[in-house]
Amino acid sequence: MRHKPIDSKLFSTHRKNLCERLPHKALAISNANDILPTNADGTLPIHPNSDLFYLSGIEQEESILVLFPDCPKPEHREILFVREPSERLKIWEGYKHSQEDARKISGIQTVFWTEDFDKVFQLLAADAETFFLNDNEHSRASNEVETRDQRFNKKIQRDYPLHKIDRLAPHLHELRFCKNPLEIKLIKHAVDVTAHGFRRVLSMIKPGIAEYEIEAEWAKEFIKRRCKFAYTPILASGGNACVLHYLQNDQTCRKGQLILMDVGACYANYNADLTRTIPVSGKFNRRQKQVYNAVLRVLRQCIENATIGKSLKEWQTDSHDMMTEEMLRLKLITKGQVKKQDSDLPACRKYYMHGLGHSLGLDVHDVSNGQMEFRENSVFTVEPGIYLPDEGFGIRLEDDIQITKNGPINLMSNIPIEADEIEEIMNR
């Protein structure tokens, strides 16, 4: 656990909110993620299961959470199973949670070793009617490799064929969409660390530097502040910025180019997501600044439009209308093209082809299935862009916002974004 301890009341509150949604005699289960193999005997570092962490704060492999609000035995209404430490594990893998550690982190008082799961679960199942099983139901999920949840779900359905089975994910998606104040505090911390990283690289970018050298500076700033990359960073100079998910980060930055940096810190599994596009030489040329300011105007208006009850589809459509006006002024499209455009494929999509933003939280593209409008304390990215491969540059700007009853709050308002301010900082 690289981050500082989190108050277990956060996880207790999340469990309480979930249990209030479950029907009578329902039993819900959440599993840790697998440790994924690479090659030979190698493995990737474990990435905590977002749902398990949301409900318990536990990040350790092979952990299982069982919630049974109507269990006749009060001590079995919340049970956490964790891997039992041993001298061998201590030597080869290091620290594993003791039962007392797990209680302190999660706020759950009943903690068993994972090897006891089958016999304990059999006793619980006798009093339960419906099992709520979890799976990755993100709308863009690609489950080509069977997950721990999926293997577990098959086993439960095989061992208990007469029990009803229901889906846990929709309940968690609904709950996770709006953040509580402590979650927002953790997101803000990730944003603050990202801000430190941006100011660091602004002072060292110049012609001749490689994209990977800039990536290294971001990494240094994140690691020393107990963070990691929220996602694989994009450091895209020149025409590379027109590749939306450019990940090579291996080119040399040239005089006169722009570099698009899409980078965010992850702190305590909560994520920030920033994009800034800056001039390698420390000064935008006239055309670059025209396009930059067009994107910035759209960004600011879209932030202002992100209000409670606003339809996400309407929000995106409004951004198309704004981009259309900006692209007409930039002479990227013509009034004739706009007049002939298909409403489902507006002319501006030639140069602005992606979505305007997404929910943000424990996952960078956080779960929001079925959420059709902004709600209080939902957190979103706002990231319009214009990409001009024929002109050798692309510009995207991205801030993270919190939706409140008093209007949107820009969580990145202290991160430089005005073209003149960026030039001034780079040329000090």
Protein backbone atom coordinates (compact mmCIF):
# COMPACT_ATOMS: atom_id res chain seq x y z
CA MET A 1 0.00 0.00 0.00
CA ARG A 2 1.95 2.98 -1.28
CA HIS A 3 -0.65 5.57 -0.28
CA LYS A 4 -1.42 6.81 3.22
CA PRO A 5 -4.09 4.90 5.20
CA ILE A 6 -7.70 5.74 4.30
CA ASP A 7 -10.40 6.10 6.95
CA SER A 8 -12.28 2.78 6.96
CA LYS A 9 -15.54 4.73 7.36
CA LEU A 10 -15.39 5.32 3.61
CA PHE A 11 -15.63 1.60 2.90
CA SER A 12 -18.18 0.99 5.66
CA THR A 13 -20.40 3.65 4.11
CA HIS A 14 -20.10 2.06 0.67
CA ARG A 15 -21.03 -1.37 2.06
CA LYS A 16 -24.02 0.08 3.90
CA ASN A 17 -25.26 1.80 0.74
CA LEU A 18 -24.96 -1.42 -1.25
CA CYS A 19 -26.65 -3.58 1.37
CA GLU A 20 -29.63 -1.20 1.47
CA ARG A 21 -30.19 -1.90 -2.24
CA LEU A 22 -30.14 -5.70 -1.98
CA PRO A 23 -33.38 -7.71 -1.67
CA HIS A 24 -34.27 -9.94 1.29
CA LYS A 25 -31.86 -12.84 1.89
CA ALA A 26 -29.45 -11.66 -0.79
CA LEU A 27 -25.75 -12.52 -0.54
CA ALA A 28 -23.21 -10.48 -2.53
CA ILE A 29 -19.63 -11.48 -3.35
CA SER A 30 -16.68 -9.48 -4.68
CA ASN A 31 -13.28 -10.93 -5.62
CA ALA A 32 -9.76 -9.59 -5.96
CA ASN A 33 -8.20 -9.48 -9.42
CA ASP A 34 -5.78 -12.11 -10.65
CA ILE A 35 -2.05 -11.56 -10.76
CA LEU A 36 -1.53 -11.71 -14.51
CA PRO A 37 1.34 -13.67 -16.12
CA THR A 38 3.76 -12.21 -18.66
CA ASN A 39 6.36 -14.68 -19.99
CA ALA A 40 8.46 -17.45 -18.42
CA ASP A 41 7.79 -17.10 -14.66
CA GLY A 42 7.09 -13.37 -14.85
CA THR A 43 3.98 -11.56 -13.65
CA LEU A 44 2.57 -8.06 -13.85
CA PRO A 45 2.09 -6.05 -10.66
CA ILE A 46 -1.41 -6.65 -9.34
CA HIS A 47 -3.96 -3.98 -10.14
CA PRO A 48 -6.57 -3.92 -7.34
CA ASN A 49 -10.14 -4.82 -8.21
CA SER A 50 -12.00 -1.51 -8.15
CA ASP A 51 -15.22 -2.96 -6.71
CA LEU A 52 -13.46 -4.89 -3.96
CA PHE A 53 -11.44 -1.80 -3.06
CA TYR A 54 -14.56 0.39 -3.14
CA LEU A 55 -16.26 -1.88 -0.60
CA SER A 56 -13.33 -2.84 1.61
CA GLY A 57 -10.11 -0.93 0.89
CA ILE A 58 -8.38 -4.28 0.30
CA GLU A 59 -5.80 -4.44 -2.51
CA GLN A 60 -4.28 -7.88 -1.86
CA GLU A 61 -4.55 -10.84 -4.23
CA GLU A 62 -6.93 -13.78 -3.52
CA SER A 63 -9.12 -11.69 -1.20
CA ILE A 64 -12.91 -12.21 -1.15
CA LEU A 65 -15.66 -10.07 0.36
CA VAL A 66 -19.06 -11.54 1.30
CA LEU A 67 -21.99 -9.33 2.29
CA PHE A 68 -25.12 -11.01 3.71
CA PRO A 69 -27.25 -8.29 5.38
CA ASP A 70 -29.99 -10.71 6.51
CA CYS A 71 -27.71 -13.41 7.91
CA PRO A 72 -29.17 -14.75 11.20
CA LYS A 73 -25.70 -14.40 12.76
CA PRO A 74 -24.83 -10.68 12.93
CA GLU A 75 -21.09 -11.44 12.90
CA HIS A 76 -21.50 -13.08 9.47
CA ARG A 77 -23.23 -10.15 7.74
CA GLU A 78 -19.85 -8.85 6.59
CA ILE A 79 -17.00 -11.31 6.08
CA LEU A 80 -13.60 -10.72 4.56
CA PHE A 81 -11.35 -13.56 3.43
CA VAL A 82 -7.64 -12.85 3.00
CA ARG A 83 -4.60 -14.93 2.17
CA GLU A 84 -2.94 -16.37 5.28
CA PRO A 85 0.63 -15.09 5.81
CA SER A 86 3.44 -17.62 6.18
CA GLU A 87 7.19 -17.57 6.66
CA ARG A 88 7.66 -18.70 3.06
CA LEU A 89 5.45 -15.87 1.69
CA LYS A 90 7.25 -13.40 3.93
CA ILE A 91 10.60 -14.43 2.44
CA TRP A 92 9.54 -14.58 -1.20
CA GLU A 93 6.75 -11.98 -1.50
CA GLY A 94 6.91 -9.88 1.65
CA TYR A 95 4.09 -8.42 3.66
CA LYS A 96 0.61 -9.98 3.64
CA HIS A 97 -2.32 -8.75 5.70
CA SER A 98 -2.83 -10.20 9.15
CA GLN A 99 -6.44 -10.53 10.20
CA GLU A 100 -6.03 -7.48 12.41
CA ASP A 101 -4.56 -5.51 9.47
CA ALA A 102 -7.56 -6.44 7.35
CA ARG A 103 -9.98 -5.34 10.09
CA LYS A 104 -8.23 -2.00 10.45
CA ILE A 105 -8.18 -1.30 6.69
CA SER A 106 -11.74 -2.40 5.93
CA GLY A 107 -13.68 -1.84 9.13
CA ILE A 108 -14.93 -5.45 8.82
CA GLN A 109 -14.65 -7.34 12.09
CA THR A 110 -15.06 -10.90 10.82
CA VAL A 111 -11.97 -11.94 8.89
CA PHE A 112 -11.15 -15.51 7.83
CA TRP A 113 -8.32 -16.98 5.79
CA THR A 114 -9.12 -17.63 2.13
CA GLU A 115 -8.59 -21.38 2.58
CA ASP A 116 -11.67 -21.41 4.87
CA PHE A 117 -13.95 -19.89 2.24
CA ASP A 118 -15.71 -23.04 1.00
CA LYS A 119 -16.77 -24.32 4.40
CA VAL A 120 -17.90 -20.90 5.65
CA PHE A 121 -19.75 -20.11 2.43
CA GLN A 122 -21.62 -23.42 2.58
CA LEU A 123 -23.06 -22.41 5.96
CA LEU A 124 -24.06 -18.99 4.66
CA ALA A 125 -25.66 -20.42 1.51
CA ALA A 126 -28.12 -22.44 3.58
CA ASP A 127 -29.77 -19.18 4.72
CA ALA A 128 -29.48 -17.23 1.45
CA GLU A 129 -31.91 -17.17 -1.45
CA THR A 130 -30.09 -15.11 -4.10
CA PHE A 131 -26.41 -14.79 -4.90
CA PHE A 132 -25.35 -11.44 -6.36
CA LEU A 133 -22.25 -12.26 -8.40
CA ASN A 134 -19.91 -9.66 -9.82
CA ASP A 135 -18.33 -9.24 -13.26
CA ASN A 136 -16.74 -6.50 -15.34
CA GLU A 137 -19.80 -5.05 -17.09
CA HIS A 138 -18.20 -1.83 -18.29
CA SER A 139 -19.77 -0.91 -21.63
CA ARG A 140 -16.35 -1.01 -23.33
CA ALA A 141 -14.91 -4.02 -21.47
CA SER A 142 -12.96 -6.59 -23.46
CA ASN A 143 -12.98 -9.86 -21.50
CA GLU A 144 -10.92 -12.04 -23.81
CA VAL A 145 -9.20 -13.73 -20.86
CA GLU A 146 -11.37 -15.37 -18.21
CA THR A 147 -11.21 -13.36 -15.00
CA ARG A 148 -11.14 -14.51 -11.39
CA ASP A 149 -14.74 -13.31 -11.01
CA GLN A 150 -15.84 -15.35 -14.02
CA ARG A 151 -14.15 -18.53 -12.78
CA PHE A 152 -15.62 -17.99 -9.33
CA ASN A 153 -19.11 -17.41 -10.74
CA LYS A 154 -18.99 -20.69 -12.69
CA LYS A 155 -17.98 -22.55 -9.53
CA ILE A 156 -20.80 -21.04 -7.46
CA GLN A 157 -23.41 -21.82 -10.10
CA ARG A 158 -22.09 -25.37 -10.38
CA ASP A 159 -21.97 -25.96 -6.61
CA TYR A 160 -25.30 -24.27 -5.81
CA PRO A 161 -27.55 -24.86 -8.84
CA LEU A 162 -30.83 -24.28 -6.94
CA HIS A 163 -30.00 -20.75 -5.77
CA LYS A 164 -31.11 -17.70 -7.70
CA ILE A 165 -28.33 -15.75 -9.41
CA ASP A 166 -28.40 -12.01 -9.97
CA ARG A 167 -25.93 -9.32 -11.14
CA LEU A 168 -24.03 -7.18 -8.66
CA ALA A 169 -22.42 -4.85 -11.20
CA PRO A 170 -25.48 -2.65 -11.93
CA HIS A 171 -25.80 -1.79 -8.25
CA LEU A 172 -22.12 -0.92 -7.95
CA HIS A 173 -22.21 1.15 -11.15
CA GLU A 174 -25.09 3.19 -9.74
CA LEU A 175 -23.31 3.74 -6.42
CA ARG A 176 -19.88 4.48 -7.84
CA PHE A 177 -21.16 7.08 -10.32
CA CYS A 178 -21.51 9.75 -7.60
CA LYS A 179 -18.56 10.20 -5.26
CA ASN A 180 -18.62 10.95 -1.56
CA PRO A 181 -16.48 13.79 -0.13
CA LEU A 182 -13.54 11.55 0.83
CA GLU A 183 -13.41 10.05 -2.67
CA ILE A 184 -13.36 13.54 -4.16
CA LYS A 185 -10.55 14.46 -1.76
CA LEU A 186 -8.50 11.50 -3.06
CA ILE A 187 -9.19 12.50 -6.69
CA LYS A 188 -8.10 16.05 -5.85
CA HIS A 189 -4.86 14.67 -4.42
CA ALA A 190 -4.21 12.82 -7.69
CA VAL A 191 -4.96 16.07 -9.54
CA ASP A 192 -2.52 18.01 -7.34
CA VAL A 193 0.26 15.51 -8.01
CA THR A 194 -0.51 15.73 -11.73
CA ALA A 195 -0.21 19.52 -11.48
CA HIS A 196 3.25 19.17 -9.93
CA GLY A 197 4.25 16.88 -12.79
CA PHE A 198 3.04 19.32 -15.44
CA ARG A 199 4.90 22.26 -13.96
CA ARG A 200 8.02 20.08 -13.73
CA VAL A 201 8.02 19.15 -17.41
CA LEU A 202 7.13 22.67 -18.56
CA SER A 203 10.51 23.82 -17.27
CA MET A 204 12.55 21.20 -19.14
CA ILE A 205 10.90 20.70 -22.54
CA LYS A 206 12.94 22.08 -25.44
CA PRO A 207 13.92 21.04 -28.98
CA GLY A 208 15.98 17.87 -29.04
CA ILE A 209 14.41 16.22 -26.00
CA ALA A 210 12.86 12.78 -26.55
CA GLU A 211 9.27 11.94 -25.71
CA TYR A 212 10.46 9.16 -23.40
CA GLU A 213 12.66 11.60 -21.47
CA ILE A 214 9.57 13.68 -20.75
CA GLU A 215 7.74 10.53 -19.68
CA ALA A 216 10.59 9.81 -17.26
CA GLU A 217 10.17 13.23 -15.62
CA TRP A 218 6.46 12.60 -15.11
CA ALA A 219 7.26 9.20 -13.59
CA LYS A 220 9.82 10.69 -11.21
CA GLU A 221 7.34 13.27 -9.96
CA PHE A 222 4.56 10.70 -9.49
CA ILE A 223 6.65 8.07 -7.75
CA LYS A 224 8.21 10.45 -5.24
CA ARG A 225 4.67 11.58 -4.32
CA ARG A 226 3.40 8.01 -3.70
CA CYS A 227 1.56 7.79 -7.01
CA LYS A 228 1.74 5.88 -10.27
CA PHE A 229 0.51 6.57 -13.81
CA ALA A 230 -3.28 6.36 -13.96
CA TYR A 231 -2.89 4.95 -17.50
CA THR A 232 -0.14 4.55 -20.06
CA PRO A 233 0.91 8.15 -20.73
CA ILE A 234 0.67 9.76 -24.16
CA LEU A 235 3.61 12.04 -25.08
CA ALA A 236 2.91 12.88 -28.70
CA SER A 237 5.01 15.45 -30.55
CA GLY A 238 4.22 16.84 -33.99
CA GLY A 239 1.96 14.67 -36.10
CA ASN A 240 1.96 11.95 -33.43
CA ALA A 241 -0.68 14.02 -31.64
CA CYS A 242 -3.15 13.08 -34.37
CA VAL A 243 -2.99 9.45 -33.22
CA LEU A 244 -5.54 9.43 -30.41
CA HIS A 245 -3.93 6.60 -28.43
CA TYR A 246 -0.29 7.15 -29.37
CA LEU A 247 1.86 5.16 -26.92
CA GLN A 248 5.30 4.82 -28.55
CA ASN A 249 6.74 7.90 -26.84
CA ASP A 250 10.03 7.36 -28.69
CA GLN A 251 10.40 10.33 -31.03
CA THR A 252 12.54 13.45 -30.71
CA CYS A 253 10.73 16.75 -30.19
CA ARG A 254 11.61 19.26 -32.92
CA LYS A 255 11.71 23.03 -33.07
CA GLY A 256 8.35 24.49 -34.07
CA GLN A 257 6.38 21.38 -33.07
CA LEU A 258 3.69 21.05 -30.44
CA ILE A 259 3.65 18.17 -27.97
CA LEU A 260 0.37 16.76 -26.68
CA MET A 261 0.70 15.26 -23.18
CA ASP A 262 -2.19 13.12 -21.91
CA VAL A 263 -1.04 12.08 -18.44
CA GLY A 264 -2.63 11.54 -15.03
CA ALA A 265 -1.56 10.41 -11.58
CA CYS A 266 -3.23 7.60 -9.65
CA TYR A 267 -3.29 7.98 -5.88
CA ALA A 268 -4.93 5.37 -3.59
CA ASN A 269 -6.48 3.90 -6.77
CA TYR A 270 -8.27 7.19 -7.56
CA ASN A 271 -7.30 8.81 -10.84
CA ALA A 272 -6.64 12.16 -12.46
CA ASP A 273 -6.73 12.67 -16.25
CA LEU A 274 -5.02 15.72 -17.74
CA THR A 275 -4.23 16.78 -21.29
CA ARG A 276 -2.19 19.81 -22.26
CA THR A 277 -0.65 20.70 -25.61
CA ILE A 278 2.40 22.95 -25.48
CA PRO A 279 5.00 24.37 -27.91
CA VAL A 280 8.32 22.52 -27.87
CA SER A 281 10.21 25.76 -28.52
CA GLY A 282 8.29 27.68 -25.87
CA LYS A 283 6.15 29.72 -28.26
CA PHE A 284 3.10 28.93 -30.39
CA ASN A 285 3.10 30.13 -33.99
CA ARG A 286 0.10 32.09 -35.22
CA ARG A 287 -1.81 29.13 -36.66
CA GLN A 288 -1.12 26.90 -33.66
CA LYS A 289 -2.39 29.57 -31.29
CA GLN A 290 -5.55 30.09 -33.37
CA VAL A 291 -6.42 26.41 -33.13
CA TYR A 292 -5.34 26.23 -29.49
CA ASN A 293 -7.61 29.09 -28.45
CA ALA A 294 -10.50 27.57 -30.41
CA VAL A 295 -10.18 24.33 -28.44
CA LEU A 296 -9.82 26.27 -25.18
CA ARG A 297 -13.04 28.21 -25.83
CA VAL A 298 -14.91 24.95 -26.44
CA LEU A 299 -13.42 23.42 -23.30
CA ARG A 300 -14.51 26.31 -21.11
CA GLN A 301 -18.02 26.46 -22.52
CA CYS A 302 -18.44 22.70 -22.18
CA ILE A 303 -17.36 22.88 -18.54
CA GLU A 304 -19.93 25.61 -17.95
CA ASN A 305 -22.61 23.47 -19.63
CA ALA A 306 -21.98 20.46 -17.35
CA THR A 307 -24.84 20.97 -14.90
CA ILE A 308 -27.02 18.61 -12.88
CA GLY A 309 -29.70 17.03 -15.07
CA LYS A 310 -27.95 17.86 -18.33
CA SER A 311 -28.15 14.95 -20.76
CA LEU A 312 -24.73 13.55 -21.63
CA LYS A 313 -25.86 13.14 -25.23
CA GLU A 314 -27.00 16.75 -25.41
CA TRP A 315 -23.71 17.84 -23.82
CA GLN A 316 -21.77 16.07 -26.57
CA THR A 317 -24.05 17.49 -29.29
CA ASP A 318 -23.54 21.01 -27.93
CA SER A 319 -19.78 20.50 -28.25
CA HIS A 320 -20.27 19.59 -31.92
CA ASP A 321 -22.17 22.84 -32.49
CA MET A 322 -19.39 24.83 -30.82
CA MET A 323 -16.68 23.01 -32.78
CA THR A 324 -18.55 23.63 -36.00
CA GLU A 325 -18.47 27.40 -35.39
CA GLU A 326 -14.79 27.30 -34.46
CA MET A 327 -13.85 25.21 -37.50
CA LEU A 328 -15.72 27.58 -39.81
CA ARG A 329 -13.63 30.45 -38.43
CA LEU A 330 -10.47 28.35 -38.86
CA LYS A 331 -11.55 27.54 -42.45
CA LEU A 332 -11.33 23.81 -41.76
CA ILE A 333 -14.88 23.22 -42.97
CA THR A 334 -17.28 25.18 -45.17
CA LYS A 335 -20.85 26.37 -44.70
CA GLY A 336 -21.79 24.09 -47.58
CA GLN A 337 -20.45 21.06 -45.73
CA VAL A 338 -22.35 22.06 -42.62
CA LYS A 339 -25.56 22.52 -44.59
CA LYS A 340 -25.25 19.01 -46.07
CA GLN A 341 -24.09 17.27 -42.87
CA ASP A 342 -25.81 14.27 -41.35
CA SER A 343 -27.02 15.06 -37.82
CA ASP A 344 -25.43 11.81 -36.62
CA LEU A 345 -22.14 12.62 -38.35
CA PRO A 346 -21.56 16.39 -38.26
CA ALA A 347 -18.86 17.90 -40.43
CA CYS A 348 -16.71 18.78 -37.40
CA ARG A 349 -16.16 15.06 -36.72
CA LYS A 350 -13.52 15.01 -39.44
CA TYR A 351 -11.19 16.87 -37.07
CA TYR A 352 -12.85 16.11 -33.70
CA MET A 353 -13.68 12.42 -33.77
CA HIS A 354 -13.87 11.33 -30.14
CA GLY A 355 -16.21 11.81 -27.18
CA LEU A 356 -16.21 14.97 -25.10
CA GLY A 357 -15.55 13.29 -21.75
CA HIS A 358 -16.14 10.37 -19.41
CA SER A 359 -16.83 9.55 -15.79
CA LEU A 360 -13.69 9.47 -13.61
CA GLY A 361 -12.91 7.76 -10.32
CA LEU A 362 -11.50 4.38 -9.33
CA ASP A 363 -11.25 3.66 -13.04
CA VAL A 364 -10.05 6.25 -15.54
CA HIS A 365 -13.08 5.45 -17.71
CA ASP A 366 -15.16 4.93 -14.61
CA VAL A 367 -18.27 2.76 -14.54
CA SER A 368 -21.38 4.70 -15.55
CA ASN A 369 -23.50 2.19 -17.45
CA GLY A 370 -27.06 3.47 -17.75
CA GLN A 371 -26.23 6.95 -16.43
CA MET A 372 -27.68 9.33 -18.98
CA GLU A 373 -27.19 12.69 -17.28
CA PHE A 374 -24.96 14.60 -14.87
CA ARG A 375 -25.70 14.05 -11.19
CA GLU A 376 -24.46 15.81 -8.08
CA ASN A 377 -20.89 14.79 -7.17
CA SER A 378 -20.30 12.84 -10.33
CA VAL A 379 -16.79 13.56 -11.63
CA PHE A 380 -16.07 13.92 -15.34
CA THR A 381 -13.30 14.72 -17.76
CA VAL A 382 -13.86 17.39 -20.42
CA GLU A 383 -11.53 16.94 -23.40
CA PRO A 384 -12.30 18.55 -26.76
CA GLY A 385 -9.67 18.48 -29.47
CA ILE A 386 -8.85 19.39 -33.07
CA TYR A 387 -6.49 17.12 -35.04
CA LEU A 388 -4.86 18.32 -38.26
CA PRO A 389 -2.57 15.64 -39.72
CA ASP A 390 -2.10 17.63 -42.93
CA GLU A 391 -0.73 20.51 -40.85
CA GLY A 392 1.39 18.24 -38.64
CA PHE A 393 -0.20 18.90 -35.27
CA GLY A 394 -3.16 18.14 -33.05
CA ILE A 395 -4.45 19.94 -29.98
CA ARG A 396 -6.43 18.44 -27.12
CA LEU A 397 -7.09 20.11 -23.77
CA GLU A 398 -8.56 18.23 -20.82
CA ASP A 399 -9.67 19.16 -17.32
CA ASP A 400 -11.45 17.16 -14.61
CA ILE A 401 -14.64 18.57 -13.09
CA GLN A 402 -16.95 17.86 -10.17
CA ILE A 403 -20.67 18.37 -10.73
CA THR A 404 -22.33 20.27 -7.86
CA LYS A 405 -25.72 21.86 -7.20
CA ASN A 406 -24.00 25.25 -7.58
CA GLY A 407 -22.52 24.36 -10.95
CA PRO A 408 -19.38 22.53 -12.10
CA ILE A 409 -16.10 22.89 -10.20
CA ASN A 410 -12.94 22.67 -12.28
CA LEU A 411 -10.59 20.50 -10.22
CA MET A 412 -7.70 21.55 -12.50
CA SER A 413 -8.24 25.29 -12.39
CA ASN A 414 -4.76 25.79 -10.90
CA ILE A 415 -2.99 23.99 -13.75
CA PRO A 416 -1.74 26.42 -16.43
CA ILE A 417 -3.77 26.35 -19.63
CA GLU A 418 -3.75 29.85 -21.18
CA ALA A 419 -1.37 29.93 -24.14
CA ASP A 420 0.34 33.10 -22.88
CA GLU A 421 0.81 31.65 -19.38
CA ILE A 422 2.36 28.46 -20.76
CA GLU A 423 4.74 30.47 -22.96
CA GLU A 424 5.70 32.67 -20.01
CA ILE A 425 6.48 29.70 -17.75
CA MET A 426 8.49 27.94 -20.47
CA ASN A 427 10.57 31.04 -21.18
CA ARG A 428 11.43 32.13 -17.64
